[in-house]
């Protein structure tokens, strides 16, 4: 079961890189970049995939306690970063940003 989580994390990271490559190719052909969907198509899979990989690999490798704790801390930082970026995206989408008075 642990390997399936790591493989899914790797797939999410690869999907994220593929989406970024695809977006860059479309921009080179003259398309306008879609800033509103960039988080959902590139950053969300990347952060989720890295979180899944970092959560399982040290435990599976039998790493010392200090390395496992560092990986868990990194995983927490990734989760908080994802939540903050998601909150900013939701705030932008709803239009409840600071008013220009």
PDB file of N, CA and C in Angstrom:
ATOM      1  N   UNK A   1       0.823  -1.197   0.000  1.00  0.00           N
ATOM      2  CA  UNK A   1       0.000   0.000   0.000  1.00  0.00           C
ATOM      3  C   UNK A   1       0.865   1.258   0.000  1.00  0.00           C
ATOM      4  N   UNK A   2       1.992   1.216   0.696  1.00  0.00           N
ATOM      5  CA  UNK A   2       2.854   2.393   0.746  1.00  0.00           C
ATOM      6  C   UNK A   2       3.415   2.732  -0.627  1.00  0.00           C
ATOM      7  N   UNK A   3       3.783   1.707  -1.394  1.00  0.00           N
ATOM      8  CA  UNK A   3       4.338   1.963  -2.711  1.00  0.00           C
ATOM      9  C   UNK A   3       3.308   2.583  -3.644  1.00  0.00           C
ATOM     10  N   UNK A   4       2.044   2.206  -3.480  1.00  0.00           N
ATOM     11  CA  UNK A   4       1.013   2.795  -4.341  1.00  0.00           C
ATOM     12  C   UNK A   4       0.866   4.291  -4.071  1.00  0.00           C
ATOM     13  N   UNK A   5       1.034   4.705  -2.809  1.00  0.00           N
ATOM     14  CA  UNK A   5       0.968   6.128  -2.479  1.00  0.00           C
ATOM     15  C   UNK A   5       2.155   6.869  -3.091  1.00  0.00           C
ATOM     16  N   UNK A   6       3.331   6.273  -3.033  1.00  0.00           N
ATOM     17  CA  UNK A   6       4.526   6.893  -3.617  1.00  0.00           C
ATOM     18  C   UNK A   6       4.387   6.980  -5.136  1.00  0.00           C
ATOM     19  N   UNK A   7       3.888   5.929  -5.762  1.00  0.00           N
ATOM     20  CA  UNK A   7       3.701   5.945  -7.213  1.00  0.00           C
ATOM     21  C   UNK A   7       2.681   7.005  -7.598  1.00  0.00           C
ATOM     22  N   UNK A   8       1.584   7.133  -6.840  1.00  0.00           N
ATOM     23  CA  UNK A   8       0.593   8.152  -7.136  1.00  0.00           C
ATOM     24  C   UNK A   8       1.184   9.553  -6.964  1.00  0.00           C
ATOM     25  N   UNK A   9       2.024   9.731  -5.953  1.00  0.00           N
ATOM     26  CA  UNK A   9       2.701  11.009  -5.770  1.00  0.00           C
ATOM     27  C   UNK A   9       3.612  11.333  -6.941  1.00  0.00           C
ATOM     28  N   UNK A  10       4.353  10.334  -7.405  1.00  0.00           N
ATOM     29  CA  UNK A  10       5.226  10.549  -8.565  1.00  0.00           C
ATOM     30  C   UNK A  10       4.407  10.885  -9.811  1.00  0.00           C
ATOM     31  N   UNK A  11       3.271  10.215  -9.992  1.00  0.00           N
ATOM     32  CA  UNK A  11       2.410  10.523 -11.131  1.00  0.00           C
ATOM     33  C   UNK A  11       1.878  11.949 -11.060  1.00  0.00           C
ATOM     34  N   UNK A  12       1.501  12.396  -9.872  1.00  0.00           N
ATOM     35  CA  UNK A  12       1.018  13.767  -9.725  1.00  0.00           C
ATOM     36  C   UNK A  12       2.112  14.780 -10.053  1.00  0.00           C
ATOM     37  N   UNK A  13       3.329  14.504  -9.627  1.00  0.00           N
ATOM     38  CA  UNK A  13       4.446  15.401  -9.944  1.00  0.00           C
ATOM     39  C   UNK A  13       4.690  15.411 -11.456  1.00  0.00           C
ATOM     40  N   UNK A  14       4.661  14.248 -12.081  1.00  0.00           N
ATOM     41  CA  UNK A  14       4.852  14.182 -13.528  1.00  0.00           C
ATOM     42  C   UNK A  14       3.720  14.880 -14.281  1.00  0.00           C
ATOM     43  N   UNK A  15       2.491  14.739 -13.808  1.00  0.00           N
ATOM     44  CA  UNK A  15       1.361  15.437 -14.420  1.00  0.00           C
ATOM     45  C   UNK A  15       1.558  16.943 -14.307  1.00  0.00           C
ATOM     46  N   UNK A  16       2.031  17.385 -13.160  1.00  0.00           N
ATOM     47  CA  UNK A  16       2.271  18.809 -12.968  1.00  0.00           C
ATOM     48  C   UNK A  16       3.324  19.328 -13.936  1.00  0.00           C
ATOM     49  N   UNK A  17       4.425  18.604 -14.084  1.00  0.00           N
ATOM     50  CA  UNK A  17       5.463  19.011 -15.032  1.00  0.00           C
ATOM     51  C   UNK A  17       4.945  18.971 -16.468  1.00  0.00           C
ATOM     52  N   UNK A  18       4.135  17.961 -16.784  1.00  0.00           N
ATOM     53  CA  UNK A  18       3.542  17.871 -18.115  1.00  0.00           C
ATOM     54  C   UNK A  18       2.606  19.024 -18.412  1.00  0.00           C
ATOM     55  N   UNK A  19       1.800  19.403 -17.428  1.00  0.00           N
ATOM     56  CA  UNK A  19       0.896  20.546 -17.608  1.00  0.00           C
ATOM     57  C   UNK A  19       1.686  21.835 -17.802  1.00  0.00           C
ATOM     58  N   UNK A  20       2.768  21.983 -17.062  1.00  0.00           N
ATOM     59  CA  UNK A  20       3.597  23.191 -17.217  1.00  0.00           C
ATOM     60  C   UNK A  20       4.226  23.231 -18.602  1.00  0.00           C
ATOM     61  N   UNK A  21       4.745  22.089 -19.046  1.00  0.00           N
ATOM     62  CA  UNK A  21       5.333  22.015 -20.377  1.00  0.00           C
ATOM     63  C   UNK A  21       4.278  22.330 -21.432  1.00  0.00           C
ATOM     64  N   UNK A  22       3.074  21.783 -21.281  1.00  0.00           N
ATOM     65  CA  UNK A  22       1.985  22.005 -22.227  1.00  0.00           C
ATOM     66  C   UNK A  22       1.599  23.483 -22.279  1.00  0.00           C
ATOM     67  N   UNK A  23       1.514  24.117 -21.100  1.00  0.00           N
ATOM     68  CA  UNK A  23       1.170  25.532 -21.040  1.00  0.00           C
ATOM     69  C   UNK A  23       2.240  26.383 -21.712  1.00  0.00           C
ATOM     70  N   UNK A  24       3.499  26.092 -21.465  1.00  0.00           N
ATOM     71  CA  UNK A  24       4.592  26.851 -22.087  1.00  0.00           C
ATOM     72  C   UNK A  24       4.565  26.675 -23.610  1.00  0.00           C
ATOM     73  N   UNK A  25       4.254  25.479 -24.083  1.00  0.00           N
ATOM     74  CA  UNK A  25       4.184  25.246 -25.520  1.00  0.00           C
ATOM     75  C   UNK A  25       3.040  26.052 -26.139  1.00  0.00           C
ATOM     76  N   UNK A  26       1.906  26.122 -25.460  1.00  0.00           N
ATOM     77  CA  UNK A  26       0.779  26.891 -25.974  1.00  0.00           C
ATOM     78  C   UNK A  26       1.090  28.388 -25.976  1.00  0.00           C
ATOM     79  N   UNK A  27       1.817  28.863 -24.958  1.00  0.00           N
ATOM     80  CA  UNK A  27       2.172  30.278 -24.901  1.00  0.00           C
ATOM     81  C   UNK A  27       3.130  30.623 -26.038  1.00  0.00           C
ATOM     82  N   UNK A  28       4.061  29.724 -26.342  1.00  0.00           N
ATOM     83  CA  UNK A  28       4.989  29.963 -27.447  1.00  0.00           C
ATOM     84  C   UNK A  28       4.264  30.052 -28.784  1.00  0.00           C
ATOM     85  N   UNK A  29       3.127  29.349 -28.895  1.00  0.00           N
ATOM     86  CA  UNK A  29       2.359  29.390 -30.142  1.00  0.00           C
ATOM     87  C   UNK A  29       1.444  30.609 -30.205  1.00  0.00           C
ATOM     88  N   UNK A  30       1.432  31.427 -29.150  1.00  0.00           N
ATOM     89  CA  UNK A  30       0.659  32.662 -29.193  1.00  0.00           C
ATOM     90  C   UNK A  30      -0.575  32.679 -28.314  1.00  0.00           C
ATOM     91  N   UNK A  31      -0.843  31.624 -27.583  1.00  0.00           N
ATOM     92  CA  UNK A  31      -2.017  31.610 -26.701  1.00  0.00           C
ATOM     93  C   UNK A  31      -1.759  32.467 -25.467  1.00  0.00           C
ATOM     94  N   UNK A  32      -2.814  32.980 -24.888  1.00  0.00           N
ATOM     95  CA  UNK A  32      -2.709  33.790 -23.685  1.00  0.00           C
ATOM     96  C   UNK A  32      -2.654  32.864 -22.461  1.00  0.00           C
ATOM     97  N   UNK A  33      -1.755  33.117 -21.504  1.00  0.00           N
ATOM     98  CA  UNK A  33      -1.693  32.248 -20.317  1.00  0.00           C
ATOM     99  C   UNK A  33      -2.952  32.405 -19.464  1.00  0.00           C
ATOM    100  N   UNK A  34      -3.407  31.294 -18.905  1.00  0.00           N
ATOM    101  CA  UNK A  34      -4.595  31.311 -18.046  1.00  0.00           C
ATOM    102  C   UNK A  34      -4.141  31.337 -16.591  1.00  0.00           C
ATOM    103  N   UNK A  35      -4.045  32.503 -16.035  1.00  0.00           N
ATOM    104  CA  UNK A  35      -3.568  32.652 -14.664  1.00  0.00           C
ATOM    105  C   UNK A  35      -4.566  32.103 -13.649  1.00  0.00           C
ATOM    106  N   UNK A  36      -5.855  32.131 -13.964  1.00  0.00           N
ATOM    107  CA  UNK A  36      -6.846  31.698 -12.989  1.00  0.00           C
ATOM    108  C   UNK A  36      -6.805  30.190 -12.737  1.00  0.00           C
ATOM    109  N   UNK A  37      -6.446  29.398 -13.733  1.00  0.00           N
ATOM    110  CA  UNK A  37      -6.422  27.943 -13.567  1.00  0.00           C
ATOM    111  C   UNK A  37      -5.026  27.400 -13.319  1.00  0.00           C
ATOM    112  N   UNK A  38      -4.042  28.269 -13.291  1.00  0.00           N
ATOM    113  CA  UNK A  38      -2.659  27.813 -13.142  1.00  0.00           C
ATOM    114  C   UNK A  38      -2.449  27.039 -11.843  1.00  0.00           C
ATOM    115  N   UNK A  39      -3.026  27.498 -10.744  1.00  0.00           N
ATOM    116  CA  UNK A  39      -2.860  26.818  -9.463  1.00  0.00           C
ATOM    117  C   UNK A  39      -3.421  25.413  -9.517  1.00  0.00           C
ATOM    118  N   UNK A  40      -4.611  25.276 -10.071  1.00  0.00           N
ATOM    119  CA  UNK A  40      -5.271  23.976 -10.081  1.00  0.00           C
ATOM    120  C   UNK A  40      -4.623  22.996 -11.037  1.00  0.00           C
ATOM    121  N   UNK A  41      -4.049  23.483 -12.124  1.00  0.00           N
ATOM    122  CA  UNK A  41      -3.498  22.565 -13.109  1.00  0.00           C
ATOM    123  C   UNK A  41      -2.017  22.278 -12.916  1.00  0.00           C
ATOM    124  N   UNK A  42      -1.287  23.183 -12.262  1.00  0.00           N
ATOM    125  CA  UNK A  42       0.156  22.978 -12.112  1.00  0.00           C
ATOM    126  C   UNK A  42       0.562  22.836 -10.653  1.00  0.00           C
ATOM    127  N   UNK A  43       0.252  23.820  -9.842  1.00  0.00           N
ATOM    128  CA  UNK A  43       0.778  23.835  -8.479  1.00  0.00           C
ATOM    129  C   UNK A  43       0.095  22.844  -7.543  1.00  0.00           C
ATOM    130  N   UNK A  44      -1.213  22.679  -7.642  1.00  0.00           N
ATOM    131  CA  UNK A  44      -1.913  21.764  -6.741  1.00  0.00           C
ATOM    132  C   UNK A  44      -1.413  20.320  -6.888  1.00  0.00           C
ATOM    133  N   UNK A  45      -1.329  19.777  -8.122  1.00  0.00           N
ATOM    134  CA  UNK A  45      -0.791  18.411  -8.233  1.00  0.00           C
ATOM    135  C   UNK A  45       0.660  18.294  -7.766  1.00  0.00           C
ATOM    136  N   UNK A  46       1.462  19.339  -8.024  1.00  0.00           N
ATOM    137  CA  UNK A  46       2.862  19.296  -7.599  1.00  0.00           C
ATOM    138  C   UNK A  46       2.967  19.242  -6.082  1.00  0.00           C
ATOM    139  N   UNK A  47       2.252  20.115  -5.390  1.00  0.00           N
ATOM    140  CA  UNK A  47       2.318  20.139  -3.933  1.00  0.00           C
ATOM    141  C   UNK A  47       1.741  18.866  -3.319  1.00  0.00           C
ATOM    142  N   UNK A  48       0.636  18.365  -3.878  1.00  0.00           N
ATOM    143  CA  UNK A  48       0.053  17.128  -3.358  1.00  0.00           C
ATOM    144  C   UNK A  48       0.981  15.938  -3.589  1.00  0.00           C
ATOM    145  N   UNK A  49       1.577  15.868  -4.771  1.00  0.00           N
ATOM    146  CA  UNK A  49       2.485  14.761  -5.079  1.00  0.00           C
ATOM    147  C   UNK A  49       3.722  14.779  -4.202  1.00  0.00           C
ATOM    148  N   UNK A  50       4.309  15.953  -4.024  1.00  0.00           N
ATOM    149  CA  UNK A  50       5.476  16.046  -3.143  1.00  0.00           C
ATOM    150  C   UNK A  50       5.114  15.679  -1.706  1.00  0.00           C
ATOM    151  N   UNK A  51       3.937  16.103  -1.270  1.00  0.00           N
ATOM    152  CA  UNK A  51       3.499  15.747   0.079  1.00  0.00           C
ATOM    153  C   UNK A  51       3.350  14.244   0.252  1.00  0.00           C
ATOM    154  N   UNK A  52       2.795  13.588  -0.749  1.00  0.00           N
ATOM    155  CA  UNK A  52       2.621  12.134  -0.670  1.00  0.00           C
ATOM    156  C   UNK A  52       3.968  11.422  -0.657  1.00  0.00           C
ATOM    157  N   UNK A  53       4.896  11.887  -1.474  1.00  0.00           N
ATOM    158  CA  UNK A  53       6.219  11.255  -1.537  1.00  0.00           C
ATOM    159  C   UNK A  53       6.974  11.456  -0.234  1.00  0.00           C
ATOM    160  N   UNK A  54       6.978  12.705   0.253  1.00  0.00           N
ATOM    161  CA  UNK A  54       7.730  13.024   1.473  1.00  0.00           C
ATOM    162  C   UNK A  54       7.132  12.309   2.688  1.00  0.00           C
ATOM    163  N   UNK A  55       5.829  12.062   2.670  1.00  0.00           N
ATOM    164  CA  UNK A  55       5.190  11.412   3.808  1.00  0.00           C
ATOM    165  C   UNK A  55       5.562   9.933   3.918  1.00  0.00           C
ATOM    166  N   UNK A  56       5.771   9.260   2.806  1.00  0.00           N
ATOM    167  CA  UNK A  56       5.950   7.805   2.847  1.00  0.00           C
ATOM    168  C   UNK A  56       7.391   7.318   2.702  1.00  0.00           C
ATOM    169  N   UNK A  57       8.198   7.978   1.894  1.00  0.00           N
ATOM    170  CA  UNK A  57       9.530   7.446   1.573  1.00  0.00           C
ATOM    171  C   UNK A  57      10.432   7.283   2.794  1.00  0.00           C
ATOM    172  N   UNK A  58      10.534   8.286   3.700  1.00  0.00           N
ATOM    173  CA  UNK A  58      11.422   8.072   4.852  1.00  0.00           C
ATOM    174  C   UNK A  58      10.994   6.900   5.738  1.00  0.00           C
ATOM    175  N   UNK A  59       9.695   6.710   5.906  1.00  0.00           N
ATOM    176  CA  UNK A  59       9.223   5.581   6.718  1.00  0.00           C
ATOM    177  C   UNK A  59       9.557   4.252   6.044  1.00  0.00           C
ATOM    178  N   UNK A  60       9.385   4.212   4.711  1.00  0.00           N
ATOM    179  CA  UNK A  60       9.652   2.971   3.988  1.00  0.00           C
ATOM    180  C   UNK A  60      11.138   2.661   3.929  1.00  0.00           C
ATOM    181  N   UNK A  61      11.969   3.691   3.931  1.00  0.00           N
ATOM    182  CA  UNK A  61      13.413   3.482   3.840  1.00  0.00           C
ATOM    183  C   UNK A  61      14.034   3.154   5.192  1.00  0.00           C
ATOM    184  N   UNK A  62      13.241   3.236   6.253  1.00  0.00           N
ATOM    185  CA  UNK A  62      13.767   2.952   7.586  1.00  0.00           C
ATOM    186  C   UNK A  62      14.730   4.011   8.061  1.00  0.00           C
ATOM    187  N   UNK A  63      14.429   5.256   7.735  1.00  0.00           N
ATOM    188  CA  UNK A  63      15.305   6.374   8.095  1.00  0.00           C
ATOM    189  C   UNK A  63      15.298   6.596   9.611  1.00  0.00           C
ATOM    190  N   UNK A  64      16.347   7.203  10.144  1.00  0.00           N
ATOM    191  CA  UNK A  64      16.380   7.521  11.578  1.00  0.00           C
ATOM    192  C   UNK A  64      15.255   8.495  11.951  1.00  0.00           C
ATOM    193  N   UNK A  65      14.974   8.551  13.236  1.00  0.00           N
ATOM    194  CA  UNK A  65      13.867   9.354  13.752  1.00  0.00           C
ATOM    195  C   UNK A  65      13.992  10.825  13.366  1.00  0.00           C
ATOM    196  N   UNK A  66      15.190  11.364  13.408  1.00  0.00           N
ATOM    197  CA  UNK A  66      15.381  12.787  13.093  1.00  0.00           C
ATOM    198  C   UNK A  66      15.011  13.090  11.636  1.00  0.00           C
ATOM    199  N   UNK A  67      15.343  12.192  10.739  1.00  0.00           N
ATOM    200  CA  UNK A  67      15.016  12.406   9.324  1.00  0.00           C
ATOM    201  C   UNK A  67      13.516  12.261   9.100  1.00  0.00           C
ATOM    202  N   UNK A  68      12.899  11.303   9.770  1.00  0.00           N
ATOM    203  CA  UNK A  68      11.448  11.135   9.657  1.00  0.00           C
ATOM    204  C   UNK A  68      10.732  12.377  10.188  1.00  0.00           C
ATOM    205  N   UNK A  69      11.211  12.928  11.295  1.00  0.00           N
ATOM    206  CA  UNK A  69      10.590  14.141  11.841  1.00  0.00           C
ATOM    207  C   UNK A  69      10.797  15.334  10.908  1.00  0.00           C
ATOM    208  N   UNK A  70      11.959  15.440  10.297  1.00  0.00           N
ATOM    209  CA  UNK A  70      12.199  16.527   9.342  1.00  0.00           C
ATOM    210  C   UNK A  70      11.278  16.386   8.129  1.00  0.00           C
ATOM    211  N   UNK A  71      11.090  15.168   7.656  1.00  0.00           N
ATOM    212  CA  UNK A  71      10.188  14.937   6.525  1.00  0.00           C
ATOM    213  C   UNK A  71       8.746  15.265   6.904  1.00  0.00           C
ATOM    214  N   UNK A  72       8.335  14.896   8.106  1.00  0.00           N
ATOM    215  CA  UNK A  72       6.991  15.226   8.558  1.00  0.00           C
ATOM    216  C   UNK A  72       6.799  16.732   8.696  1.00  0.00           C
ATOM    217  N   UNK A  73       7.829  17.436   9.144  1.00  0.00           N
ATOM    218  CA  UNK A  73       7.759  18.893   9.230  1.00  0.00           C
ATOM    219  C   UNK A  73       7.662  19.504   7.845  1.00  0.00           C
ATOM    220  N   UNK A  74       8.438  19.004   6.903  1.00  0.00           N
ATOM    221  CA  UNK A  74       8.358  19.482   5.524  1.00  0.00           C
ATOM    222  C   UNK A  74       6.972  19.221   4.943  1.00  0.00           C
ATOM    223  N   UNK A  75       6.409  18.078   5.263  1.00  0.00           N
ATOM    224  CA  UNK A  75       5.077  17.747   4.793  1.00  0.00           C
ATOM    225  C   UNK A  75       4.043  18.720   5.366  1.00  0.00           C
ATOM    226  N   UNK A  76       4.195  19.103   6.620  1.00  0.00           N
ATOM    227  CA  UNK A  76       3.299  20.083   7.226  1.00  0.00           C
ATOM    228  C   UNK A  76       3.434  21.442   6.541  1.00  0.00           C
ATOM    229  N   UNK A  77       4.669  21.838   6.236  1.00  0.00           N
ATOM    230  CA  UNK A  77       4.897  23.108   5.537  1.00  0.00           C
ATOM    231  C   UNK A  77       4.240  23.067   4.158  1.00  0.00           C
ATOM    232  N   UNK A  78       4.348  21.951   3.448  1.00  0.00           N
ATOM    233  CA  UNK A  78       3.699  21.814   2.148  1.00  0.00           C
ATOM    234  C   UNK A  78       2.179  21.911   2.277  1.00  0.00           C
ATOM    235  N   UNK A  79       1.612  21.302   3.313  1.00  0.00           N
ATOM    236  CA  UNK A  79       0.162  21.358   3.513  1.00  0.00           C
ATOM    237  C   UNK A  79      -0.307  22.776   3.822  1.00  0.00           C
ATOM    238  N   UNK A  80       0.434  23.488   4.666  1.00  0.00           N
ATOM    239  CA  UNK A  80       0.066  24.870   4.997  1.00  0.00           C
ATOM    240  C   UNK A  80       0.215  25.765   3.771  1.00  0.00           C
ATOM    241  N   UNK A  81       1.272  25.573   2.996  1.00  0.00           N
ATOM    242  CA  UNK A  81       1.466  26.348   1.774  1.00  0.00           C
ATOM    243  C   UNK A  81       0.319  26.108   0.800  1.00  0.00           C
ATOM    244  N   UNK A  82      -0.073  24.860   0.625  1.00  0.00           N
ATOM    245  CA  UNK A  82      -1.191  24.540  -0.260  1.00  0.00           C
ATOM    246  C   UNK A  82      -2.468  25.206   0.221  1.00  0.00           C
ATOM    247  N   UNK A  83      -2.735  25.153   1.520  1.00  0.00           N
ATOM    248  CA  UNK A  83      -3.944  25.773   2.063  1.00  0.00           C
ATOM    249  C   UNK A  83      -3.933  27.288   1.872  1.00  0.00           C
ATOM    250  N   UNK A  84      -2.791  27.924   2.079  1.00  0.00           N
ATOM    251  CA  UNK A  84      -2.705  29.372   1.903  1.00  0.00           C
ATOM    252  C   UNK A  84      -2.894  29.785   0.447  1.00  0.00           C
ATOM    253  N   UNK A  85      -2.258  29.069  -0.462  1.00  0.00           N
ATOM    254  CA  UNK A  85      -2.403  29.400  -1.880  1.00  0.00           C
ATOM    255  C   UNK A  85      -3.846  29.155  -2.335  1.00  0.00           C
ATOM    256  N   UNK A  86      -4.465  28.101  -1.840  1.00  0.00           N
ATOM    257  CA  UNK A  86      -5.861  27.827  -2.161  1.00  0.00           C
ATOM    258  C   UNK A  86      -6.763  28.934  -1.622  1.00  0.00           C
ATOM    259  N   UNK A  87      -6.488  29.415  -0.412  1.00  0.00           N
ATOM    260  CA  UNK A  87      -7.283  30.504   0.160  1.00  0.00           C
ATOM    261  C   UNK A  87      -7.137  31.780  -0.670  1.00  0.00           C
ATOM    262  N   UNK A  88      -5.940  32.075  -1.144  1.00  0.00           N
ATOM    263  CA  UNK A  88      -5.729  33.252  -1.992  1.00  0.00           C
ATOM    264  C   UNK A  88      -6.497  33.100  -3.299  1.00  0.00           C
ATOM    265  N   UNK A  89      -6.466  31.908  -3.885  1.00  0.00           N
ATOM    266  CA  UNK A  89      -7.194  31.674  -5.131  1.00  0.00           C
ATOM    267  C   UNK A  89      -8.695  31.836  -4.940  1.00  0.00           C
ATOM    268  N   UNK A  90      -9.219  31.313  -3.849  1.00  0.00           N
ATOM    269  CA  UNK A  90     -10.649  31.447  -3.576  1.00  0.00           C
ATOM    270  C   UNK A  90     -11.005  32.908  -3.357  1.00  0.00           C
ATOM    271  N   UNK A  91     -10.172  33.632  -2.652  1.00  0.00           N
ATOM    272  CA  UNK A  91     -10.432  35.046  -2.394  1.00  0.00           C
ATOM    273  C   UNK A  91     -10.423  35.847  -3.696  1.00  0.00           C
ATOM    274  N   UNK A  92      -9.498  35.535  -4.591  1.00  0.00           N
ATOM    275  CA  UNK A  92      -9.452  36.213  -5.881  1.00  0.00           C
ATOM    276  C   UNK A  92     -10.690  35.908  -6.715  1.00  0.00           C
ATOM    277  N   UNK A  93     -11.103  34.653  -6.683  1.00  0.00           N
ATOM    278  CA  UNK A  93     -12.241  34.229  -7.486  1.00  0.00           C
ATOM    279  C   UNK A  93     -13.546  34.848  -7.012  1.00  0.00           C
ATOM    280  N   UNK A  94     -13.692  34.994  -5.710  1.00  0.00           N
ATOM    281  CA  UNK A  94     -14.935  35.564  -5.195  1.00  0.00           C
ATOM    282  C   UNK A  94     -14.931  37.081  -5.263  1.00  0.00           C
ATOM    283  N   UNK A  95     -13.768  37.679  -5.482  1.00  0.00           N
ATOM    284  CA  UNK A  95     -13.693  39.133  -5.624  1.00  0.00           C
ATOM    285  C   UNK A  95     -13.773  39.874  -4.310  1.00  0.00           C
ATOM    286  N   UNK A  96     -13.439  39.206  -3.215  1.00  0.00           N
ATOM    287  CA  UNK A  96     -13.516  39.859  -1.905  1.00  0.00           C
ATOM    288  C   UNK A  96     -12.165  40.390  -1.461  1.00  0.00           C
ATOM    289  N   UNK A  97     -11.372  40.846  -2.422  1.00  0.00           N
ATOM    290  CA  UNK A  97     -10.065  41.416  -2.104  1.00  0.00           C
ATOM    291  C   UNK A  97     -10.216  42.785  -1.488  1.00  0.00           C
ATOM    292  N   UNK A  98      -9.120  43.399  -1.103  1.00  0.00           N
ATOM    293  CA  UNK A  98      -9.186  44.725  -0.489  1.00  0.00           C
ATOM    294  C   UNK A  98      -9.734  45.745  -1.489  1.00  0.00           C
ATOM    295  N   UNK A  99     -10.604  46.597  -1.007  1.00  0.00           N
ATOM    296  CA  UNK A  99     -11.210  47.592  -1.886  1.00  0.00           C
ATOM    297  C   UNK A  99     -10.261  48.768  -2.063  1.00  0.00           C
ATOM    298  N   UNK A 100     -10.276  49.337  -3.251  1.00  0.00           N
ATOM    299  CA  UNK A 100      -9.405  50.487  -3.559  1.00  0.00           C
ATOM    300  C   UNK A 100     -10.180  51.769  -3.291  1.00  0.00           C
ATOM    301  N   UNK A 101     -10.049  52.313  -2.096  1.00  0.00           N
ATOM    302  CA  UNK A 101     -10.764  53.551  -1.742  1.00  0.00           C
ATOM    303  C   UNK A 101      -9.842  54.709  -1.702  1.00  0.00           C
TER     304      UNK A 101
END
